[in-house]
Amino acid sequence: MFEPGIDVGFDFRENPAIFDALKETEQKFYINECLNRLPVNESLVLRLFYLAENSIKEICEMTGWSESNTKVHLHRGRKNMQELLQKMLNTEVKSLY
């Protein structure tokens, strides 16, 4: 996790809950950052489907989109979010060196 000899002020092994909370906070940051960078319709459908746990049918009723259009937005949103996450995390890792 950390290089030996580097004092970060505490040991994550003593309290793994701190490390878990940090990981969760960091995950939420990157997910929200990606959702904010996606096209509006893709961000909306991903938030409704995954965060609000709405069904495809419910999303169609809320947005007025057809079922196939909703699925296309979901597919594109997932694909674009994956690409954004890869770019963001790759940049983050490179900045550590």
C-alpha atoms as a PDB file:
ATOM      1  CA  MET A   1       0.000   0.000   0.000  1.00  0.00           C
ATOM      2  CA  PHE A   2       2.634   2.524   1.098  1.00  0.00           C
ATOM      3  CA  GLU A   3       6.380   2.399   0.778  1.00  0.00           C
ATOM      4  CA  PRO A   4       8.144   1.179   3.913  1.00  0.00           C
ATOM      5  CA  GLY A   5       9.697   4.007   5.857  1.00  0.00           C
ATOM      6  CA  ILE A   6       7.184   6.644   4.751  1.00  0.00           C
ATOM      7  CA  ASP A   7       5.294   7.927   7.763  1.00  0.00           C
ATOM      8  CA  VAL A   8       1.750   8.965   6.864  1.00  0.00           C
ATOM      9  CA  GLY A   9       0.767   9.538  10.486  1.00  0.00           C
ATOM     10  CA  PHE A  10      -1.278   6.361  10.928  1.00  0.00           C
ATOM     11  CA  ASP A  11      -1.364   2.742   9.871  1.00  0.00           C
ATOM     12  CA  PHE A  12      -4.296   1.679   7.699  1.00  0.00           C
ATOM     13  CA  ARG A  13      -3.773  -1.900   8.898  1.00  0.00           C
ATOM     14  CA  GLU A  14      -4.748  -0.851  12.410  1.00  0.00           C
ATOM     15  CA  ASN A  15      -8.072   0.546  11.229  1.00  0.00           C
ATOM     16  CA  PRO A  16      -9.106  -0.794   7.817  1.00  0.00           C
ATOM     17  CA  ALA A  17     -12.424   1.098   8.048  1.00  0.00           C
ATOM     18  CA  ILE A  18     -10.523   4.350   7.439  1.00  0.00           C
ATOM     19  CA  PHE A  19      -9.002   2.916   4.264  1.00  0.00           C
ATOM     20  CA  ASP A  20     -12.400   1.581   3.123  1.00  0.00           C
ATOM     21  CA  ALA A  21     -14.013   4.990   3.690  1.00  0.00           C
ATOM     22  CA  LEU A  22     -11.206   6.652   1.748  1.00  0.00           C
ATOM     23  CA  LYS A  23     -11.643   4.227  -1.153  1.00  0.00           C
ATOM     24  CA  GLU A  24     -15.406   4.809  -1.177  1.00  0.00           C
ATOM     25  CA  THR A  25     -14.979   8.590  -1.132  1.00  0.00           C
ATOM     26  CA  GLU A  26     -12.454   8.410  -3.958  1.00  0.00           C
ATOM     27  CA  GLN A  27     -14.730   6.149  -6.019  1.00  0.00           C
ATOM     28  CA  LYS A  28     -17.644   8.545  -5.559  1.00  0.00           C
ATOM     29  CA  PHE A  29     -15.442  11.454  -6.620  1.00  0.00           C
ATOM     30  CA  TYR A  30     -14.409   9.785  -9.887  1.00  0.00           C
ATOM     31  CA  ILE A  31     -17.921   8.546 -10.670  1.00  0.00           C
ATOM     32  CA  ASN A  32     -19.424  12.005 -10.129  1.00  0.00           C
ATOM     33  CA  GLU A  33     -16.631  13.639 -12.104  1.00  0.00           C
ATOM     34  CA  CYS A  34     -17.340  11.335 -15.056  1.00  0.00           C
ATOM     35  CA  LEU A  35     -21.101  11.813 -14.830  1.00  0.00           C
ATOM     36  CA  ASN A  36     -20.580  15.577 -14.937  1.00  0.00           C
ATOM     37  CA  ARG A  37     -18.436  15.293 -18.076  1.00  0.00           C
ATOM     38  CA  LEU A  38     -20.794  13.028 -20.036  1.00  0.00           C
ATOM     39  CA  PRO A  39     -23.421  14.362 -22.435  1.00  0.00           C
ATOM     40  CA  VAL A  40     -26.581  15.313 -20.530  1.00  0.00           C
ATOM     41  CA  ASN A  41     -28.785  12.453 -21.773  1.00  0.00           C
ATOM     42  CA  GLU A  42     -26.136   9.835 -21.017  1.00  0.00           C
ATOM     43  CA  SER A  43     -25.506  11.231 -17.544  1.00  0.00           C
ATOM     44  CA  LEU A  44     -29.233  11.402 -16.845  1.00  0.00           C
ATOM     45  CA  VAL A  45     -29.983   7.842 -17.884  1.00  0.00           C
ATOM     46  CA  LEU A  46     -27.009   6.449 -15.931  1.00  0.00           C
ATOM     47  CA  ARG A  47     -28.079   8.331 -12.801  1.00  0.00           C
ATOM     48  CA  LEU A  48     -31.699   7.202 -13.148  1.00  0.00           C
ATOM     49  CA  PHE A  49     -30.809   3.576 -13.873  1.00  0.00           C
ATOM     50  CA  TYR A  50     -27.921   2.979 -11.464  1.00  0.00           C
ATOM     51  CA  LEU A  51     -28.204   5.570  -8.716  1.00  0.00           C
ATOM     52  CA  ALA A  52     -31.985   5.944  -8.484  1.00  0.00           C
ATOM     53  CA  GLU A  53     -32.500   2.284  -9.491  1.00  0.00           C
ATOM     54  CA  ASN A  54     -35.287   3.034 -11.964  1.00  0.00           C
ATOM     55  CA  SER A  55     -36.251   0.424 -14.534  1.00  0.00           C
ATOM     56  CA  ILE A  56     -36.011   1.000 -18.286  1.00  0.00           C
ATOM     57  CA  LYS A  57     -39.792   1.327 -18.380  1.00  0.00           C
ATOM     58  CA  GLU A  58     -39.782   3.951 -15.603  1.00  0.00           C
ATOM     59  CA  ILE A  59     -37.045   5.909 -17.353  1.00  0.00           C
ATOM     60  CA  CYS A  60     -39.080   5.868 -20.577  1.00  0.00           C
ATOM     61  CA  GLU A  61     -42.093   7.232 -18.704  1.00  0.00           C
ATOM     62  CA  MET A  62     -40.019  10.004 -17.061  1.00  0.00           C
ATOM     63  CA  THR A  63     -38.120  11.082 -20.160  1.00  0.00           C
ATOM     64  CA  GLY A  64     -40.594  10.360 -22.944  1.00  0.00           C
ATOM     65  CA  TRP A  65     -37.936   8.323 -24.773  1.00  0.00           C
ATOM     66  CA  SER A  66     -38.698   5.011 -26.460  1.00  0.00           C
ATOM     67  CA  GLU A  67     -37.340   1.835 -24.892  1.00  0.00           C
ATOM     68  CA  SER A  68     -34.779   1.403 -27.654  1.00  0.00           C
ATOM     69  CA  ASN A  69     -33.620   5.036 -27.362  1.00  0.00           C
ATOM     70  CA  THR A  70     -33.228   4.623 -23.589  1.00  0.00           C
ATOM     71  CA  LYS A  71     -31.136   1.492 -24.099  1.00  0.00           C
ATOM     72  CA  VAL A  72     -28.967   3.289 -26.664  1.00  0.00           C
ATOM     73  CA  HIS A  73     -28.330   6.141 -24.191  1.00  0.00           C
ATOM     74  CA  LEU A  74     -27.455   3.582 -21.500  1.00  0.00           C
ATOM     75  CA  HIS A  75     -25.077   1.739 -23.808  1.00  0.00           C
ATOM     76  CA  ARG A  76     -23.347   4.922 -24.965  1.00  0.00           C
ATOM     77  CA  GLY A  77     -23.232   6.262 -21.420  1.00  0.00           C
ATOM     78  CA  ARG A  78     -21.574   3.099 -20.094  1.00  0.00           C
ATOM     79  CA  LYS A  79     -19.070   3.092 -22.953  1.00  0.00           C
ATOM     80  CA  ASN A  80     -18.208   6.785 -22.594  1.00  0.00           C
ATOM     81  CA  MET A  81     -18.008   6.545 -18.813  1.00  0.00           C
ATOM     82  CA  GLN A  82     -15.582   3.637 -19.068  1.00  0.00           C
ATOM     83  CA  GLU A  83     -13.394   5.621 -21.482  1.00  0.00           C
ATOM     84  CA  LEU A  84     -13.482   8.702 -19.232  1.00  0.00           C
ATOM     85  CA  LEU A  85     -12.603   6.679 -16.138  1.00  0.00           C
ATOM     86  CA  GLN A  86      -9.694   5.033 -17.919  1.00  0.00           C
ATOM     87  CA  LYS A  87      -8.355   8.415 -19.061  1.00  0.00           C
ATOM     88  CA  MET A  88      -8.815  10.022 -15.648  1.00  0.00           C
ATOM     89  CA  LEU A  89      -7.222   7.144 -13.740  1.00  0.00           C
ATOM     90  CA  ASN A  90      -4.389   6.780 -16.238  1.00  0.00           C
ATOM     91  CA  THR A  91      -3.636  10.495 -15.865  1.00  0.00           C
ATOM     92  CA  GLU A  92      -3.824  10.158 -12.079  1.00  0.00           C
ATOM     93  CA  VAL A  93      -1.383   7.246 -12.053  1.00  0.00           C
ATOM     94  CA  LYS A  94       1.038   9.046 -14.400  1.00  0.00           C
ATOM     95  CA  SER A  95       1.012  12.126 -12.170  1.00  0.00           C
ATOM     96  CA  LEU A  96       2.298  10.003  -9.282  1.00  0.00           C
ATOM     97  CA  TYR A  97       5.585   9.292 -11.082  1.00  0.00           C
END
